[in-house]
Amino acid sequence: VARIKAAGGFVDLIQWRAHRSNPVGMADDGYVLEWRNFDAGKKMF
């Protein structure tokens, strides 16, 4: 899975939610590969 990720074999998953993230100007930054994962940093979800 790490080799696939290093080769770019994942999809970015950006989640913006009007009720949760919009009021504070944020969106969740993640990706899908072996699971629905979050990138490092703060997350709203």
All heavy atoms as atom14 arrays in JSON, in Angstrom:
{
  "sequence": "VARIKAAGGFVDLIQWRAHRSNPVGMADDGYVLEWRNFDAGKKMF",
  "atom14_mask": [
    [1, 1, 1, 1, 1, 1, 1, 0, 0, 0, 0, 0, 0, 0],
    [1, 1, 1, 1, 1, 0, 0, 0, 0, 0, 0, 0, 0, 0],
    [1, 1, 1, 1, 1, 1, 1, 1, 1, 1, 1, 0, 0, 0],
    [1, 1, 1, 1, 1, 1, 1, 1, 0, 0, 0, 0, 0, 0],
    [1, 1, 1, 1, 1, 1, 1, 1, 1, 0, 0, 0, 0, 0],
    [1, 1, 1, 1, 1, 0, 0, 0, 0, 0, 0, 0, 0, 0],
    [1, 1, 1, 1, 1, 0, 0, 0, 0, 0, 0, 0, 0, 0],
    [1, 1, 1, 1, 0, 0, 0, 0, 0, 0, 0, 0, 0, 0],
    [1, 1, 1, 1, 0, 0, 0, 0, 0, 0, 0, 0, 0, 0],
    [1, 1, 1, 1, 1, 1, 1, 1, 1, 1, 1, 0, 0, 0],
    [1, 1, 1, 1, 1, 1, 1, 0, 0, 0, 0, 0, 0, 0],
    [1, 1, 1, 1, 1, 1, 1, 1, 0, 0, 0, 0, 0, 0],
    [1, 1, 1, 1, 1, 1, 1, 1, 0, 0, 0, 0, 0, 0],
    [1, 1, 1, 1, 1, 1, 1, 1, 0, 0, 0, 0, 0, 0],
    [1, 1, 1, 1, 1, 1, 1, 1, 1, 0, 0, 0, 0, 0],
    [1, 1, 1, 1, 1, 1, 1, 1, 1, 1, 1, 1, 1, 1],
    [1, 1, 1, 1, 1, 1, 1, 1, 1, 1, 1, 0, 0, 0],
    [1, 1, 1, 1, 1, 0, 0, 0, 0, 0, 0, 0, 0, 0],
    [1, 1, 1, 1, 1, 1, 1, 1, 1, 1, 0, 0, 0, 0],
    [1, 1, 1, 1, 1, 1, 1, 1, 1, 1, 1, 0, 0, 0],
    [1, 1, 1, 1, 1, 1, 0, 0, 0, 0, 0, 0, 0, 0],
    [1, 1, 1, 1, 1, 1, 1, 1, 0, 0, 0, 0, 0, 0],
    [1, 1, 1, 1, 1, 1, 1, 0, 0, 0, 0, 0, 0, 0],
    [1, 1, 1, 1, 1, 1, 1, 0, 0, 0, 0, 0, 0, 0],
    [1, 1, 1, 1, 0, 0, 0, 0, 0, 0, 0, 0, 0, 0],
    [1, 1, 1, 1, 1, 1, 1, 1, 0, 0, 0, 0, 0, 0],
    [1, 1, 1, 1, 1, 0, 0, 0, 0, 0, 0, 0, 0, 0],
    [1, 1, 1, 1, 1, 1, 1, 1, 0, 0, 0, 0, 0, 0],
    [1, 1, 1, 1, 1, 1, 1, 1, 0, 0, 0, 0, 0, 0],
    [1, 1, 1, 1, 0, 0, 0, 0, 0, 0, 0, 0, 0, 0],
    [1, 1, 1, 1, 1, 1, 1, 1, 1, 1, 1, 1, 0, 0],
    [1, 1, 1, 1, 1, 1, 1, 0, 0, 0, 0, 0, 0, 0],
    [1, 1, 1, 1, 1, 1, 1, 1, 0, 0, 0, 0, 0, 0],
    [1, 1, 1, 1, 1, 1, 1, 1, 1, 0, 0, 0, 0, 0],
    [1, 1, 1, 1, 1, 1, 1, 1, 1, 1, 1, 1, 1, 1],
    [1, 1, 1, 1, 1, 1, 1, 1, 1, 1, 1, 0, 0, 0],
    [1, 1, 1, 1, 1, 1, 1, 1, 0, 0, 0, 0, 0, 0],
    [1, 1, 1, 1, 1, 1, 1, 1, 1, 1, 1, 0, 0, 0],
    [1, 1, 1, 1, 1, 1, 1, 1, 0, 0, 0, 0, 0, 0],
    [1, 1, 1, 1, 1, 0, 0, 0, 0, 0, 0, 0, 0, 0],
    [1, 1, 1, 1, 0, 0, 0, 0, 0, 0, 0, 0, 0, 0],
    [1, 1, 1, 1, 1, 1, 1, 1, 1, 0, 0, 0, 0, 0],
    [1, 1, 1, 1, 1, 1, 1, 1, 1, 0, 0, 0, 0, 0],
    [1, 1, 1, 1, 1, 1, 1, 1, 0, 0, 0, 0, 0, 0],
    [1, 1, 1, 1, 1, 1, 1, 1, 1, 1, 1, 0, 0, 0]
  ],
  "atom14_positions": [
    [[0.84, -1.2, 0.0], [0.0, 0.0, 0.0], [0.88, 1.26, 0.0], [0.6, 2.21, -0.72], [-0.98, -0.01, 1.2], [-1.66, 1.33, 1.38], [-2.02, -1.12, 1.02], [0.0, 0.0, 0.0], [0.0, 0.0, 0.0], [0.0, 0.0, 0.0], [0.0, 0.0, 0.0], [0.0, 0.0, 0.0], [0.0, 0.0, 0.0], [0.0, 0.0, 0.0]],
    [[1.96, 1.24, 0.78], [2.88, 2.39, 0.81], [3.51, 2.62, -0.55], [3.69, 3.78, -0.97], [3.96, 2.17, 1.87], [0.0, 0.0, 0.0], [0.0, 0.0, 0.0], [0.0, 0.0, 0.0], [0.0, 0.0, 0.0], [0.0, 0.0, 0.0], [0.0, 0.0, 0.0], [0.0, 0.0, 0.0], [0.0, 0.0, 0.0], [0.0, 0.0, 0.0]],
    [[3.84, 1.56, -1.28], [4.4, 1.7, -2.64], [3.38, 2.32, -3.59], [3.71, 3.19, -4.4], [4.9, 0.36, -3.17], [6.24, -0.06, -2.6], [6.87, -1.22, -3.35], [6.18, -2.48, -3.16], [6.36, -3.3, -2.12], [7.22, -2.98, -1.17], [5.7, -4.42, -2.01], [0.0, 0.0, 0.0], [0.0, 0.0, 0.0], [0.0, 0.0, 0.0]],
    [[2.13, 1.87, -3.48], [1.07, 2.43, -4.32], [0.91, 3.92, -4.03], [0.82, 4.75, -4.94], [-0.27, 1.68, -4.1], [-0.15, 0.23, -4.58], [-1.42, 2.4, -4.81], [-1.32, -0.66, -4.15], [0.0, 0.0, 0.0], [0.0, 0.0, 0.0], [0.0, 0.0, 0.0], [0.0, 0.0, 0.0], [0.0, 0.0, 0.0], [0.0, 0.0, 0.0]],
    [[0.9, 4.27, -2.73], [0.75, 5.68, -2.35], [1.91, 6.51, -2.87], [1.71, 7.6, -3.42], [0.62, 5.82, -0.84], [0.34, 7.25, -0.43], [0.16, 7.41, 1.05], [-0.12, 8.88, 1.36], [0.02, 9.18, 2.76], [0.0, 0.0, 0.0], [0.0, 0.0, 0.0], [0.0, 0.0, 0.0], [0.0, 0.0, 0.0], [0.0, 0.0, 0.0]],
    [[3.13, 6.01, -2.72], [4.32, 6.74, -3.17], [4.29, 6.98, -4.68], [4.79, 7.99, -5.16], [5.58, 5.99, -2.77], [0.0, 0.0, 0.0], [0.0, 0.0, 0.0], [0.0, 0.0, 0.0], [0.0, 0.0, 0.0], [0.0, 0.0, 0.0], [0.0, 0.0, 0.0], [0.0, 0.0, 0.0], [0.0, 0.0, 0.0], [0.0, 0.0, 0.0]],
    [[3.66, 6.06, -5.41], [3.55, 6.2, -6.87], [2.37, 7.08, -7.28], [2.11, 7.28, -8.47], [3.43, 4.82, -7.51], [0.0, 0.0, 0.0], [0.0, 0.0, 0.0], [0.0, 0.0, 0.0], [0.0, 0.0, 0.0], [0.0, 0.0, 0.0], [0.0, 0.0, 0.0], [0.0, 0.0, 0.0], [0.0, 0.0, 0.0], [0.0, 0.0, 0.0]],
    [[1.62, 7.6, -6.3], [0.49, 8.47, -6.6], [-0.8, 7.74, -6.87], [-1.75, 8.34, -7.39], [0.0, 0.0, 0.0], [0.0, 0.0, 0.0], [0.0, 0.0, 0.0], [0.0, 0.0, 0.0], [0.0, 0.0, 0.0], [0.0, 0.0, 0.0], [0.0, 0.0, 0.0], [0.0, 0.0, 0.0], [0.0, 0.0, 0.0], [0.0, 0.0, 0.0]],
    [[-0.9, 6.47, -6.5], [-2.09, 5.67, -6.77], [-3.18, 5.82, -5.73], [-3.64, 4.83, -5.17], [0.0, 0.0, 0.0], [0.0, 0.0, 0.0], [0.0, 0.0, 0.0], [0.0, 0.0, 0.0], [0.0, 0.0, 0.0], [0.0, 0.0, 0.0], [0.0, 0.0, 0.0], [0.0, 0.0, 0.0], [0.0, 0.0, 0.0], [0.0, 0.0, 0.0]],
    [[-3.59, 7.03, -5.46], [-4.66, 7.31, -4.51], [-5.48, 8.47, -5.05], [-5.06, 9.16, -5.97], [-4.11, 7.65, -3.12], [-3.21, 8.86, -3.11], [-3.74, 10.13, -2.88], [-1.85, 8.75, -3.36], [-2.92, 11.24, -2.89], [-1.02, 9.86, -3.36], [-1.56, 11.11, -3.13], [0.0, 0.0, 0.0], [0.0, 0.0, 0.0], [0.0, 0.0, 0.0]],
    [[-6.66, 8.67, -4.49], [-7.46, 9.84, -4.87], [-7.55, 10.78, -3.67], [-7.67, 10.34, -2.53], [-8.88, 9.47, -5.36], [-8.82, 8.76, -6.7], [-9.66, 8.65, -4.37], [0.0, 0.0, 0.0], [0.0, 0.0, 0.0], [0.0, 0.0, 0.0], [0.0, 0.0, 0.0], [0.0, 0.0, 0.0], [0.0, 0.0, 0.0], [0.0, 0.0, 0.0]],
    [[-7.42, 12.07, -3.95], [-7.59, 13.07, -2.9], [-9.07, 13.15, -2.56], [-9.93, 13.11, -3.44], [-7.11, 14.45, -3.37], [-5.61, 14.6, -3.24], [-5.1, 14.31, -2.14], [-4.97, 15.0, -4.21], [0.0, 0.0, 0.0], [0.0, 0.0, 0.0], [0.0, 0.0, 0.0], [0.0, 0.0, 0.0], [0.0, 0.0, 0.0], [0.0, 0.0, 0.0]],
    [[-9.35, 13.3, -1.28], [-10.72, 13.41, -0.8], [-10.83, 14.69, 0.03], [-10.3, 14.77, 1.13], [-11.1, 12.2, 0.05], [-12.45, 12.24, 0.75], [-13.59, 12.3, -0.26], [-12.62, 11.01, 1.64], [0.0, 0.0, 0.0], [0.0, 0.0, 0.0], [0.0, 0.0, 0.0], [0.0, 0.0, 0.0], [0.0, 0.0, 0.0], [0.0, 0.0, 0.0]],
    [[-11.47, 15.69, -0.56], [-11.66, 16.96, 0.12], [-13.12, 17.01, 0.55], [-14.02, 16.83, -0.26], [-11.37, 18.16, -0.82], [-10.0, 18.01, -1.48], [-11.5, 19.47, -0.07], [-8.83, 17.87, -0.54], [0.0, 0.0, 0.0], [0.0, 0.0, 0.0], [0.0, 0.0, 0.0], [0.0, 0.0, 0.0], [0.0, 0.0, 0.0], [0.0, 0.0, 0.0]],
    [[-13.36, 17.21, 1.85], [-14.72, 17.25, 2.36], [-15.0, 18.62, 2.97], [-14.38, 19.01, 3.95], [-14.92, 16.17, 3.43], [-14.79, 14.78, 2.88], [-15.01, 13.75, 3.95], [-15.97, 13.79, 4.69], [-14.1, 12.8, 4.05], [0.0, 0.0, 0.0], [0.0, 0.0, 0.0], [0.0, 0.0, 0.0], [0.0, 0.0, 0.0], [0.0, 0.0, 0.0]],
    [[-15.92, 19.35, 2.35], [-16.37, 20.63, 2.86], [-17.8, 20.44, 3.32], [-18.62, 19.9, 2.59], [-16.31, 21.68, 1.76], [-16.89, 23.0, 2.16], [-16.25, 24.0, 2.81], [-18.23, 23.45, 1.94], [-17.1, 25.05, 3.02], [-18.33, 24.73, 2.49], [-19.35, 22.88, 1.36], [-19.51, 25.47, 2.46], [-20.52, 23.61, 1.33], [-20.59, 24.89, 1.87]],
    [[-18.1, 20.87, 4.5], [-19.44, 20.7, 5.04], [-19.97, 22.06, 5.5], [-19.34, 22.72, 6.33], [-19.42, 19.71, 6.2], [-19.0, 18.33, 5.72], [-18.66, 17.42, 6.86], [-18.08, 16.21, 6.36], [-18.72, 15.05, 6.27], [-19.97, 14.95, 6.65], [-18.1, 13.99, 5.8], [0.0, 0.0, 0.0], [0.0, 0.0, 0.0], [0.0, 0.0, 0.0]],
    [[-21.11, 22.44, 4.95], [-21.67, 23.76, 5.24], [-21.89, 23.96, 6.73], [-21.61, 25.03, 7.27], [-22.97, 23.96, 4.48], [0.0, 0.0, 0.0], [0.0, 0.0, 0.0], [0.0, 0.0, 0.0], [0.0, 0.0, 0.0], [0.0, 0.0, 0.0], [0.0, 0.0, 0.0], [0.0, 0.0, 0.0], [0.0, 0.0, 0.0], [0.0, 0.0, 0.0]],
    [[-22.36, 22.95, 7.42], [-22.7, 23.09, 8.83], [-21.5, 22.93, 9.76], [-21.53, 23.39, 10.89], [-23.76, 22.07, 9.21], [-23.26, 20.65, 9.19], [-22.93, 20.01, 8.01], [-23.0, 19.79, 10.19], [-22.51, 18.78, 8.3], [-22.55, 18.62, 9.61], [0.0, 0.0, 0.0], [0.0, 0.0, 0.0], [0.0, 0.0, 0.0], [0.0, 0.0, 0.0]],
    [[-20.46, 22.27, 9.3], [-19.36, 21.93, 10.2], [-18.09, 22.72, 9.89], [-17.46, 23.25, 10.79], [-19.07, 20.44, 10.08], [-18.07, 19.95, 11.08], [-17.79, 18.48, 10.93], [-18.96, 17.7, 11.31], [-18.99, 16.38, 11.29], [-17.94, 15.7, 10.91], [-20.07, 15.73, 11.63], [0.0, 0.0, 0.0], [0.0, 0.0, 0.0], [0.0, 0.0, 0.0]],
    [[-17.72, 22.78, 8.65], [-16.43, 23.39, 8.32], [-16.53, 24.81, 7.75], [-15.63, 25.61, 7.96], [-15.65, 22.49, 7.36], [-16.39, 22.22, 6.2], [0.0, 0.0, 0.0], [0.0, 0.0, 0.0], [0.0, 0.0, 0.0], [0.0, 0.0, 0.0], [0.0, 0.0, 0.0], [0.0, 0.0, 0.0], [0.0, 0.0, 0.0], [0.0, 0.0, 0.0]],
    [[-17.61, 25.13, 7.07], [-17.71, 26.46, 6.48], [-17.66, 27.58, 7.51], [-16.96, 28.57, 7.29], [-18.98, 26.59, 5.63], [-19.01, 27.89, 4.88], [-18.11, 28.19, 4.1], [-20.03, 28.69, 5.13], [0.0, 0.0, 0.0], [0.0, 0.0, 0.0], [0.0, 0.0, 0.0], [0.0, 0.0, 0.0], [0.0, 0.0, 0.0], [0.0, 0.0, 0.0]],
    [[-18.35, 27.48, 8.65], [-18.31, 28.6, 9.6], [-16.91, 28.96, 10.09], [-16.67, 30.09, 10.49], [-19.18, 28.12, 10.76], [-20.1, 27.13, 10.15], [-19.28, 26.45, 9.09], [0.0, 0.0, 0.0], [0.0, 0.0, 0.0], [0.0, 0.0, 0.0], [0.0, 0.0, 0.0], [0.0, 0.0, 0.0], [0.0, 0.0, 0.0], [0.0, 0.0, 0.0]],
    [[-16.01, 28.02, 10.07], [-14.64, 28.3, 10.53], [-13.64, 28.29, 9.38], [-12.43, 28.29, 9.59], [-14.21, 27.31, 11.65], [-15.02, 27.56, 12.9], [-14.31, 25.87, 11.2], [0.0, 0.0, 0.0], [0.0, 0.0, 0.0], [0.0, 0.0, 0.0], [0.0, 0.0, 0.0], [0.0, 0.0, 0.0], [0.0, 0.0, 0.0], [0.0, 0.0, 0.0]],
    [[-14.13, 28.29, 8.14], [-13.28, 28.42, 6.97], [-12.34, 27.24, 6.76], [-11.2, 27.42, 6.35], [0.0, 0.0, 0.0], [0.0, 0.0, 0.0], [0.0, 0.0, 0.0], [0.0, 0.0, 0.0], [0.0, 0.0, 0.0], [0.0, 0.0, 0.0], [0.0, 0.0, 0.0], [0.0, 0.0, 0.0], [0.0, 0.0, 0.0], [0.0, 0.0, 0.0]],
    [[-12.82, 26.04, 7.0], [-11.97, 24.85, 6.85], [-12.63, 23.82, 5.96], [-13.82, 23.9, 5.68], [-11.69, 24.21, 8.21], [-10.81, 25.04, 9.13], [-10.46, 24.2, 10.69], [-9.3, 22.93, 10.17], [0.0, 0.0, 0.0], [0.0, 0.0, 0.0], [0.0, 0.0, 0.0], [0.0, 0.0, 0.0], [0.0, 0.0, 0.0], [0.0, 0.0, 0.0]],
    [[-11.85, 22.85, 5.55], [-12.33, 21.67, 4.86], [-11.42, 20.52, 5.28], [-10.26, 20.73, 5.62], [-12.29, 21.85, 3.36], [0.0, 0.0, 0.0], [0.0, 0.0, 0.0], [0.0, 0.0, 0.0], [0.0, 0.0, 0.0], [0.0, 0.0, 0.0], [0.0, 0.0, 0.0], [0.0, 0.0, 0.0], [0.0, 0.0, 0.0], [0.0, 0.0, 0.0]],
    [[-11.96, 19.3, 5.28], [-11.13, 18.14, 5.6], [-10.29, 17.78, 4.39], [-10.75, 17.83, 3.26], [-12.01, 16.94, 5.97], [-12.66, 17.1, 7.33], [-12.01, 17.67, 8.23], [-13.8, 16.66, 7.49], [0.0, 0.0, 0.0], [0.0, 0.0, 0.0], [0.0, 0.0, 0.0], [0.0, 0.0, 0.0], [0.0, 0.0, 0.0], [0.0, 0.0, 0.0]],
    [[-9.05, 17.42, 4.64], [-8.11, 17.05, 3.59], [-7.72, 15.59, 3.81], [-7.07, 15.28, 4.8], [-6.88, 17.95, 3.65], [-5.89, 17.68, 2.54], [-6.25, 17.0, 1.56], [-4.75, 18.13, 2.67], [0.0, 0.0, 0.0], [0.0, 0.0, 0.0], [0.0, 0.0, 0.0], [0.0, 0.0, 0.0], [0.0, 0.0, 0.0], [0.0, 0.0, 0.0]],
    [[-8.12, 14.74, 2.91], [-7.81, 13.33, 3.05], [-7.53, 12.67, 1.73], [-7.36, 13.34, 0.7], [0.0, 0.0, 0.0], [0.0, 0.0, 0.0], [0.0, 0.0, 0.0], [0.0, 0.0, 0.0], [0.0, 0.0, 0.0], [0.0, 0.0, 0.0], [0.0, 0.0, 0.0], [0.0, 0.0, 0.0], [0.0, 0.0, 0.0], [0.0, 0.0, 0.0]],
    [[-7.51, 11.35, 1.76], [-7.31, 10.57, 0.55], [-7.89, 9.18, 0.74], [-8.13, 8.73, 1.87], [-5.82, 10.48, 0.17], [-4.98, 9.71, 1.16], [-4.69, 8.36, 0.95], [-4.46, 10.31, 2.3], [-3.92, 7.64, 1.85], [-3.69, 9.6, 3.2], [-3.42, 8.27, 2.97], [-2.66, 7.55, 3.87], [0.0, 0.0, 0.0], [0.0, 0.0, 0.0]],
    [[-8.15, 8.5, -0.38], [-8.64, 7.12, -0.34], [-7.61, 6.24, -1.02], [-7.17, 6.52, -2.13], [-10.01, 6.99, -1.04], [-10.46, 5.54, -1.07], [-11.06, 7.86, -0.35], [0.0, 0.0, 0.0], [0.0, 0.0, 0.0], [0.0, 0.0, 0.0], [0.0, 0.0, 0.0], [0.0, 0.0, 0.0], [0.0, 0.0, 0.0], [0.0, 0.0, 0.0]],
    [[-7.23, 5.19, -0.32], [-6.37, 4.14, -0.88], [-6.83, 2.81, -0.29], [-7.76, 2.21, -0.79], [-4.89, 4.4, -0.61], [-3.89, 3.37, -1.15], [-4.09, 3.09, -2.64], [-2.47, 3.81, -0.88], [0.0, 0.0, 0.0], [0.0, 0.0, 0.0], [0.0, 0.0, 0.0], [0.0, 0.0, 0.0], [0.0, 0.0, 0.0], [0.0, 0.0, 0.0]],
    [[-6.26, 2.39, 0.84], [-6.7, 1.15, 1.48], [-7.88, 1.38, 2.41], [-8.53, 0.46, 2.87], [-5.53, 0.5, 2.24], [-5.24, 1.07, 3.61], [-4.59, 2.45, 3.63], [-4.38, 3.09, 2.58], [-4.28, 2.91, 4.75], [0.0, 0.0, 0.0], [0.0, 0.0, 0.0], [0.0, 0.0, 0.0], [0.0, 0.0, 0.0], [0.0, 0.0, 0.0]],
    [[-8.15, 2.66, 2.66], [-9.2, 3.09, 3.59], [-9.43, 4.56, 3.33], [-8.66, 5.2, 2.61], [-8.7, 2.86, 5.02], [-9.71, 2.69, 6.1], [-10.53, 1.61, 6.29], [-10.02, 3.6, 7.16], [-11.3, 1.79, 7.41], [-11.01, 3.02, 7.96], [-9.54, 4.86, 7.51], [-11.54, 3.63, 9.08], [-10.07, 5.48, 8.63], [-11.05, 4.86, 9.4]],
    [[-10.44, 5.15, 3.9], [-10.65, 6.6, 3.8], [-9.81, 7.25, 4.9], [-10.15, 7.19, 6.07], [-12.12, 6.94, 3.98], [-12.41, 8.39, 3.68], [-13.81, 8.76, 4.04], [-13.87, 8.92, 5.5], [-14.97, 8.82, 6.22], [-16.12, 8.53, 5.65], [-14.95, 8.99, 7.52], [0.0, 0.0, 0.0], [0.0, 0.0, 0.0], [0.0, 0.0, 0.0]],
    [[-8.69, 7.84, 4.5], [-7.71, 8.38, 5.43], [-7.72, 9.9, 5.45], [-8.15, 10.54, 4.49], [-6.3, 7.94, 4.99], [-6.16, 6.44, 4.97], [-6.07, 5.81, 6.0], [-6.13, 5.85, 3.78], [0.0, 0.0, 0.0], [0.0, 0.0, 0.0], [0.0, 0.0, 0.0], [0.0, 0.0, 0.0], [0.0, 0.0, 0.0], [0.0, 0.0, 0.0]],
    [[-7.16, 10.46, 6.51], [-6.97, 11.91, 6.59], [-5.49, 12.21, 6.46], [-4.64, 11.48, 6.96], [-7.47, 12.46, 7.92], [-8.97, 12.49, 8.01], [-9.66, 11.5, 8.68], [-9.69, 13.5, 7.41], [-11.04, 11.52, 8.76], [-11.07, 13.54, 7.47], [-11.75, 12.54, 8.15], [0.0, 0.0, 0.0], [0.0, 0.0, 0.0], [0.0, 0.0, 0.0]],
    [[-5.18, 13.33, 5.8], [-3.81, 13.82, 5.77], [-3.48, 14.37, 7.15], [-4.36, 14.6, 7.97], [-3.64, 14.9, 4.7], [-3.71, 14.32, 3.29], [-3.32, 13.16, 3.1], [-4.15, 15.03, 2.38], [0.0, 0.0, 0.0], [0.0, 0.0, 0.0], [0.0, 0.0, 0.0], [0.0, 0.0, 0.0], [0.0, 0.0, 0.0], [0.0, 0.0, 0.0]],
    [[-2.21, 14.64, 7.38], [-1.78, 15.2, 8.67], [-2.39, 16.58, 8.88], [-2.71, 17.28, 7.93], [-0.25, 15.29, 8.71], [0.0, 0.0, 0.0], [0.0, 0.0, 0.0], [0.0, 0.0, 0.0], [0.0, 0.0, 0.0], [0.0, 0.0, 0.0], [0.0, 0.0, 0.0], [0.0, 0.0, 0.0], [0.0, 0.0, 0.0], [0.0, 0.0, 0.0]],
    [[-2.55, 16.96, 10.12], [-3.07, 18.28, 10.44], [-4.43, 18.19, 11.08], [-4.96, 17.11, 11.33], [0.0, 0.0, 0.0], [0.0, 0.0, 0.0], [0.0, 0.0, 0.0], [0.0, 0.0, 0.0], [0.0, 0.0, 0.0], [0.0, 0.0, 0.0], [0.0, 0.0, 0.0], [0.0, 0.0, 0.0], [0.0, 0.0, 0.0], [0.0, 0.0, 0.0]],
    [[-5.01, 19.35, 11.35], [-6.33, 19.4, 11.97], [-7.38, 18.91, 11.0], [-7.3, 19.15, 9.81], [-6.67, 20.83, 12.38], [-6.09, 21.27, 13.67], [-6.62, 22.66, 14.01], [-6.93, 22.73, 15.48], [-7.45, 24.03, 15.87], [0.0, 0.0, 0.0], [0.0, 0.0, 0.0], [0.0, 0.0, 0.0], [0.0, 0.0, 0.0], [0.0, 0.0, 0.0]],
    [[-8.4, 18.27, 11.53], [-9.5, 17.83, 10.69], [-10.82, 18.2, 11.35], [-10.93, 18.22, 12.57], [-9.42, 16.34, 10.41], [-9.49, 15.47, 11.65], [-9.32, 14.02, 11.29], [-9.43, 13.2, 12.55], [-8.67, 12.03, 12.58], [0.0, 0.0, 0.0], [0.0, 0.0, 0.0], [0.0, 0.0, 0.0], [0.0, 0.0, 0.0], [0.0, 0.0, 0.0]],
    [[-11.78, 18.52, 10.52], [-13.1, 18.88, 11.03], [-13.96, 17.65, 11.28], [-14.84, 17.67, 12.11], [-13.82, 19.78, 10.01], [-13.16, 21.11, 9.8], [-13.13, 22.13, 11.26], [-14.86, 22.33, 11.62], [0.0, 0.0, 0.0], [0.0, 0.0, 0.0], [0.0, 0.0, 0.0], [0.0, 0.0, 0.0], [0.0, 0.0, 0.0], [0.0, 0.0, 0.0]],
    [[-13.7, 16.6, 10.54], [-14.54, 15.41, 10.6], [-14.08, 14.55, 11.78], [-13.36, 13.59, 11.64], [-14.41, 14.64, 9.28], [-15.44, 13.56, 9.11], [-16.76, 13.88, 8.96], [-15.06, 12.23, 9.09], [-17.72, 12.88, 8.8], [-16.01, 11.24, 8.92], [-17.33, 11.56, 8.77], [0.0, 0.0, 0.0], [0.0, 0.0, 0.0], [0.0, 0.0, 0.0]]
  ]
}
